[in-house]
């Protein structure tokens, strides 16, 4: 991106710690939550480039701040991005996807959806129940997993209940600024 993006048309920032000196991309140190949300709210597109990501919190935060996602077509990105942005397969199509998105940015911004942790927790719970209840898991395995399973479910529900209150607080605070 540093060598191929038209920097007369685009600005690009990298936020975080990296031991690389970009030629054209501005590099910002890690930011606290409030300043990161302010920076993201001023941005149009969030580029997610990780090769492996189980569930990208940074991508979800960027979407909640109004950034349209452009992400690799791998890991959990397709599940998160859905119709709200674009997925790219590699260097050959990322620039074309970026150009298309920037030309139609309002179309993409209208499709952004906030993530609700309560819905996410319920989806995880429903999935765990479905797997646990399926015929493909035999009784011996069920007995061994029962204790771990219930601790896991209790932990997810408790964690998401706690963070849903935190998310609601931050979302209100970020939107005010």
C-alpha atoms as a PDB file:
ATOM      1  CA  UNK A   1       0.000   0.000   0.000  1.00  0.00           C
ATOM      2  CA  UNK A   2       2.804   2.377   0.873  1.00  0.00           C
ATOM      3  CA  UNK A   3       4.225   2.178  -2.649  1.00  0.00           C
ATOM      4  CA  UNK A   4       1.066   1.617  -4.714  1.00  0.00           C
ATOM      5  CA  UNK A   5      -1.676   3.807  -3.266  1.00  0.00           C
ATOM      6  CA  UNK A   6      -2.320   7.195  -4.901  1.00  0.00           C
ATOM      7  CA  UNK A   7      -1.514   9.489  -1.973  1.00  0.00           C
ATOM      8  CA  UNK A   8      -2.741  12.509  -3.932  1.00  0.00           C
ATOM      9  CA  UNK A   9      -6.253  11.065  -3.501  1.00  0.00           C
ATOM     10  CA  UNK A  10      -5.961   9.159  -0.238  1.00  0.00           C
ATOM     11  CA  UNK A  11      -4.574   9.617   3.251  1.00  0.00           C
ATOM     12  CA  UNK A  12      -3.622   6.551   5.227  1.00  0.00           C
ATOM     13  CA  UNK A  13      -2.660   6.165   8.876  1.00  0.00           C
ATOM     14  CA  UNK A  14      -1.170   3.247  10.779  1.00  0.00           C
ATOM     15  CA  UNK A  15      -2.016   3.316  14.475  1.00  0.00           C
ATOM     16  CA  UNK A  16       0.030   1.231  16.867  1.00  0.00           C
ATOM     17  CA  UNK A  17       3.524  -0.065  17.350  1.00  0.00           C
ATOM     18  CA  UNK A  18       5.472  -1.078  14.279  1.00  0.00           C
ATOM     19  CA  UNK A  19       9.183  -1.236  13.556  1.00  0.00           C
ATOM     20  CA  UNK A  20       8.877   0.023  10.002  1.00  0.00           C
ATOM     21  CA  UNK A  21       9.258   3.467   8.501  1.00  0.00           C
ATOM     22  CA  UNK A  22       6.585   4.147   5.917  1.00  0.00           C
ATOM     23  CA  UNK A  23       7.240   6.490   3.013  1.00  0.00           C
ATOM     24  CA  UNK A  24       3.695   7.772   2.563  1.00  0.00           C
ATOM     25  CA  UNK A  25       1.590   6.315   5.344  1.00  0.00           C
ATOM     26  CA  UNK A  26       1.429   8.394   8.519  1.00  0.00           C
ATOM     27  CA  UNK A  27       2.351   6.446  11.629  1.00  0.00           C
ATOM     28  CA  UNK A  28       0.679   7.174  14.970  1.00  0.00           C
ATOM     29  CA  UNK A  29       1.607   5.683  18.324  1.00  0.00           C
ATOM     30  CA  UNK A  30      -0.936   3.576  20.171  1.00  0.00           C
ATOM     31  CA  UNK A  31      -3.902   5.647  21.302  1.00  0.00           C
ATOM     32  CA  UNK A  32      -6.157   5.387  24.333  1.00  0.00           C
ATOM     33  CA  UNK A  33      -9.768   4.354  23.671  1.00  0.00           C
ATOM     34  CA  UNK A  34     -11.225   7.857  23.484  1.00  0.00           C
ATOM     35  CA  UNK A  35      -8.557   9.242  21.130  1.00  0.00           C
ATOM     36  CA  UNK A  36      -8.679   6.111  18.991  1.00  0.00           C
ATOM     37  CA  UNK A  37     -12.450   6.467  18.621  1.00  0.00           C
ATOM     38  CA  UNK A  38     -12.032  10.134  17.664  1.00  0.00           C
ATOM     39  CA  UNK A  39      -9.495   9.206  14.996  1.00  0.00           C
ATOM     40  CA  UNK A  40     -11.688   6.411  13.664  1.00  0.00           C
ATOM     41  CA  UNK A  41     -14.744   8.690  13.528  1.00  0.00           C
ATOM     42  CA  UNK A  42     -12.792  11.024  11.229  1.00  0.00           C
ATOM     43  CA  UNK A  43     -11.902   8.119   8.934  1.00  0.00           C
ATOM     44  CA  UNK A  44     -13.986   6.574   6.166  1.00  0.00           C
ATOM     45  CA  UNK A  45     -12.435   3.151   5.630  1.00  0.00           C
ATOM     46  CA  UNK A  46     -10.763   0.717   8.007  1.00  0.00           C
ATOM     47  CA  UNK A  47      -8.265  -1.674   6.457  1.00  0.00           C
ATOM     48  CA  UNK A  48      -7.971  -5.033   8.264  1.00  0.00           C
ATOM     49  CA  UNK A  49      -4.926  -6.932   7.028  1.00  0.00           C
ATOM     50  CA  UNK A  50      -4.207  -9.656   9.586  1.00  0.00           C
ATOM     51  CA  UNK A  51      -3.592 -13.085   8.144  1.00  0.00           C
ATOM     52  CA  UNK A  52      -5.277 -14.812  11.097  1.00  0.00           C
ATOM     53  CA  UNK A  53      -7.852 -13.205  13.341  1.00  0.00           C
ATOM     54  CA  UNK A  54     -10.334 -15.141  15.448  1.00  0.00           C
ATOM     55  CA  UNK A  55     -12.590 -12.136  16.070  1.00  0.00           C
ATOM     56  CA  UNK A  56     -11.165  -8.735  15.337  1.00  0.00           C
ATOM     57  CA  UNK A  57     -12.041  -6.313  18.114  1.00  0.00           C
ATOM     58  CA  UNK A  58     -10.320  -3.513  16.202  1.00  0.00           C
ATOM     59  CA  UNK A  59     -12.515  -4.159  13.157  1.00  0.00           C
ATOM     60  CA  UNK A  60     -15.685  -4.218  15.262  1.00  0.00           C
ATOM     61  CA  UNK A  61     -14.645  -0.996  17.056  1.00  0.00           C
ATOM     62  CA  UNK A  62     -13.920   0.684  13.710  1.00  0.00           C
ATOM     63  CA  UNK A  63     -17.330  -0.314  12.322  1.00  0.00           C
ATOM     64  CA  UNK A  64     -19.010   0.995  15.497  1.00  0.00           C
ATOM     65  CA  UNK A  65     -17.171   4.296  14.939  1.00  0.00           C
ATOM     66  CA  UNK A  66     -18.526   4.577  11.388  1.00  0.00           C
ATOM     67  CA  UNK A  67     -15.649   3.164   9.329  1.00  0.00           C
ATOM     68  CA  UNK A  68     -16.458   0.993   6.333  1.00  0.00           C
ATOM     69  CA  UNK A  69     -14.437  -2.252   6.534  1.00  0.00           C
ATOM     70  CA  UNK A  70     -12.034  -3.459   3.853  1.00  0.00           C
ATOM     71  CA  UNK A  71     -10.697  -6.776   5.126  1.00  0.00           C
ATOM     72  CA  UNK A  72      -8.851  -9.878   3.998  1.00  0.00           C
ATOM     73  CA  UNK A  73     -11.091 -12.672   2.807  1.00  0.00           C
ATOM     74  CA  UNK A  74     -10.002 -15.073   5.554  1.00  0.00           C
ATOM     75  CA  UNK A  75     -10.483 -16.007   9.210  1.00  0.00           C
ATOM     76  CA  UNK A  76     -13.468 -14.338  10.851  1.00  0.00           C
ATOM     77  CA  UNK A  77     -13.487 -11.277   8.600  1.00  0.00           C
ATOM     78  CA  UNK A  78     -16.216 -12.471   6.193  1.00  0.00           C
ATOM     79  CA  UNK A  79     -18.531 -13.189   9.140  1.00  0.00           C
ATOM     80  CA  UNK A  80     -17.971  -9.706  10.563  1.00  0.00           C
ATOM     81  CA  UNK A  81     -17.909  -7.676   7.340  1.00  0.00           C
ATOM     82  CA  UNK A  82     -20.883  -9.357   5.623  1.00  0.00           C
ATOM     83  CA  UNK A  83     -22.458  -6.719   3.350  1.00  0.00           C
ATOM     84  CA  UNK A  84     -21.085  -3.670   5.205  1.00  0.00           C
ATOM     85  CA  UNK A  85     -17.838  -3.445   3.253  1.00  0.00           C
ATOM     86  CA  UNK A  86     -15.549  -5.422   0.995  1.00  0.00           C
ATOM     87  CA  UNK A  87     -13.233  -8.405   1.280  1.00  0.00           C
ATOM     88  CA  UNK A  88     -10.004  -8.688  -0.669  1.00  0.00           C
ATOM     89  CA  UNK A  89      -7.928 -11.725  -1.551  1.00  0.00           C
ATOM     90  CA  UNK A  90      -4.491 -10.136  -1.901  1.00  0.00           C
ATOM     91  CA  UNK A  91      -2.399  -7.421  -3.457  1.00  0.00           C
ATOM     92  CA  UNK A  92      -4.051  -7.890  -6.842  1.00  0.00           C
ATOM     93  CA  UNK A  93      -7.505  -6.707  -5.807  1.00  0.00           C
ATOM     94  CA  UNK A  94      -7.090  -4.548  -2.701  1.00  0.00           C
ATOM     95  CA  UNK A  95      -6.479  -1.295  -4.587  1.00  0.00           C
ATOM     96  CA  UNK A  96      -9.456  -1.848  -6.903  1.00  0.00           C
ATOM     97  CA  UNK A  97     -11.706  -2.598  -3.904  1.00  0.00           C
ATOM     98  CA  UNK A  98     -10.448   0.544  -2.160  1.00  0.00           C
ATOM     99  CA  UNK A  99     -11.129   2.702  -5.240  1.00  0.00           C
ATOM    100  CA  UNK A 100     -14.636   1.274  -5.595  1.00  0.00           C
ATOM    101  CA  UNK A 101     -15.393   1.799  -1.924  1.00  0.00           C
ATOM    102  CA  UNK A 102     -14.154   5.388  -1.915  1.00  0.00           C
ATOM    103  CA  UNK A 103     -16.330   6.212  -4.956  1.00  0.00           C
ATOM    104  CA  UNK A 104     -19.389   4.743  -3.214  1.00  0.00           C
ATOM    105  CA  UNK A 105     -18.577   5.537   0.406  1.00  0.00           C
ATOM    106  CA  UNK A 106     -22.066   6.828   1.301  1.00  0.00           C
ATOM    107  CA  UNK A 107     -23.649   3.636  -0.008  1.00  0.00           C
ATOM    108  CA  UNK A 108     -21.400   1.588   2.276  1.00  0.00           C
ATOM    109  CA  UNK A 109     -21.846   3.888   5.282  1.00  0.00           C
ATOM    110  CA  UNK A 110     -25.624   3.471   5.024  1.00  0.00           C
ATOM    111  CA  UNK A 111     -25.191  -0.299   5.471  1.00  0.00           C
ATOM    112  CA  UNK A 112     -23.070  -0.154   8.628  1.00  0.00           C
ATOM    113  CA  UNK A 113     -24.539  -1.866  11.664  1.00  0.00           C
ATOM    114  CA  UNK A 114     -23.494  -1.578  15.279  1.00  0.00           C
ATOM    115  CA  UNK A 115     -22.583  -4.784  17.059  1.00  0.00           C
ATOM    116  CA  UNK A 116     -24.655  -5.663  20.091  1.00  0.00           C
ATOM    117  CA  UNK A 117     -22.761  -7.813  22.598  1.00  0.00           C
ATOM    118  CA  UNK A 118     -25.998  -9.213  24.004  1.00  0.00           C
ATOM    119  CA  UNK A 119     -26.924 -10.605  20.598  1.00  0.00           C
ATOM    120  CA  UNK A 120     -23.393 -11.947  20.161  1.00  0.00           C
ATOM    121  CA  UNK A 121     -23.546 -13.668  23.562  1.00  0.00           C
ATOM    122  CA  UNK A 122     -26.906 -15.209  22.693  1.00  0.00           C
ATOM    123  CA  UNK A 123     -25.548 -16.445  19.344  1.00  0.00           C
ATOM    124  CA  UNK A 124     -22.559 -18.076  21.088  1.00  0.00           C
ATOM    125  CA  UNK A 125     -24.870 -19.645  23.658  1.00  0.00           C
ATOM    126  CA  UNK A 126     -27.256 -20.968  20.978  1.00  0.00           C
ATOM    127  CA  UNK A 127     -24.328 -22.360  18.984  1.00  0.00           C
ATOM    128  CA  UNK A 128     -22.871 -24.100  22.054  1.00  0.00           C
ATOM    129  CA  UNK A 129     -26.270 -25.630  22.877  1.00  0.00           C
ATOM    130  CA  UNK A 130     -26.660 -26.820  19.281  1.00  0.00           C
ATOM    131  CA  UNK A 131     -23.224 -28.466  19.227  1.00  0.00           C
ATOM    132  CA  UNK A 132     -23.647 -29.977  22.669  1.00  0.00           C
ATOM    133  CA  UNK A 133     -27.096 -31.312  21.826  1.00  0.00           C
ATOM    134  CA  UNK A 134     -26.165 -32.727  18.430  1.00  0.00           C
ATOM    135  CA  UNK A 135     -26.052 -36.472  17.836  1.00  0.00           C
ATOM    136  CA  UNK A 136     -22.450 -36.243  16.658  1.00  0.00           C
ATOM    137  CA  UNK A 137     -21.223 -35.791  20.254  1.00  0.00           C
ATOM    138  CA  UNK A 138     -21.372 -39.145  22.068  1.00  0.00           C
ATOM    139  CA  UNK A 139     -22.420 -39.545  25.723  1.00  0.00           C
ATOM    140  CA  UNK A 140     -18.926 -40.290  27.061  1.00  0.00           C
ATOM    141  CA  UNK A 141     -17.625 -37.049  25.570  1.00  0.00           C
ATOM    142  CA  UNK A 142     -20.677 -35.176  26.854  1.00  0.00           C
ATOM    143  CA  UNK A 143     -20.052 -36.365  30.403  1.00  0.00           C
ATOM    144  CA  UNK A 144     -16.402 -35.274  30.274  1.00  0.00           C
ATOM    145  CA  UNK A 145     -17.286 -31.940  28.773  1.00  0.00           C
ATOM    146  CA  UNK A 146     -20.326 -31.141  30.916  1.00  0.00           C
ATOM    147  CA  UNK A 147     -18.414 -29.438  33.695  1.00  0.00           C
ATOM    148  CA  UNK A 148     -16.184 -27.457  31.317  1.00  0.00           C
ATOM    149  CA  UNK A 149     -19.160 -26.665  29.118  1.00  0.00           C
ATOM    150  CA  UNK A 150     -21.224 -25.113  31.892  1.00  0.00           C
ATOM    151  CA  UNK A 151     -18.301 -23.110  33.228  1.00  0.00           C
ATOM    152  CA  UNK A 152     -17.635 -21.896  29.691  1.00  0.00           C
ATOM    153  CA  UNK A 153     -21.264 -20.874  29.100  1.00  0.00           C
ATOM    154  CA  UNK A 154     -21.511 -19.188  32.494  1.00  0.00           C
ATOM    155  CA  UNK A 155     -18.264 -17.328  31.776  1.00  0.00           C
ATOM    156  CA  UNK A 156     -19.430 -16.114  28.352  1.00  0.00           C
ATOM    157  CA  UNK A 157     -22.778 -14.934  29.657  1.00  0.00           C
ATOM    158  CA  UNK A 158     -21.214 -13.180  32.639  1.00  0.00           C
ATOM    159  CA  UNK A 159     -18.460 -11.607  30.513  1.00  0.00           C
ATOM    160  CA  UNK A 160     -20.828 -10.334  27.836  1.00  0.00           C
ATOM    161  CA  UNK A 161     -23.274  -8.965  30.386  1.00  0.00           C
ATOM    162  CA  UNK A 162     -20.423  -7.018  31.978  1.00  0.00           C
ATOM    163  CA  UNK A 163     -19.033  -5.760  28.673  1.00  0.00           C
ATOM    164  CA  UNK A 164     -22.431  -4.895  27.195  1.00  0.00           C
ATOM    165  CA  UNK A 165     -22.792  -2.219  29.894  1.00  0.00           C
ATOM    166  CA  UNK A 166     -19.252  -1.004  29.132  1.00  0.00           C
ATOM    167  CA  UNK A 167     -19.930  -1.002  25.382  1.00  0.00           C
ATOM    168  CA  UNK A 168     -23.118   1.014  25.811  1.00  0.00           C
ATOM    169  CA  UNK A 169     -21.246   3.549  27.952  1.00  0.00           C
ATOM    170  CA  UNK A 170     -18.376   3.900  25.460  1.00  0.00           C
ATOM    171  CA  UNK A 171     -20.666   4.089  22.438  1.00  0.00           C
ATOM    172  CA  UNK A 172     -22.589   6.975  24.024  1.00  0.00           C
ATOM    173  CA  UNK A 173     -19.351   8.693  25.053  1.00  0.00           C
ATOM    174  CA  UNK A 174     -17.694   8.259  21.632  1.00  0.00           C
ATOM    175  CA  UNK A 175     -20.738   9.545  19.773  1.00  0.00           C
ATOM    176  CA  UNK A 176     -20.788  12.734  21.882  1.00  0.00           C
ATOM    177  CA  UNK A 177     -17.243  13.620  20.816  1.00  0.00           C
END
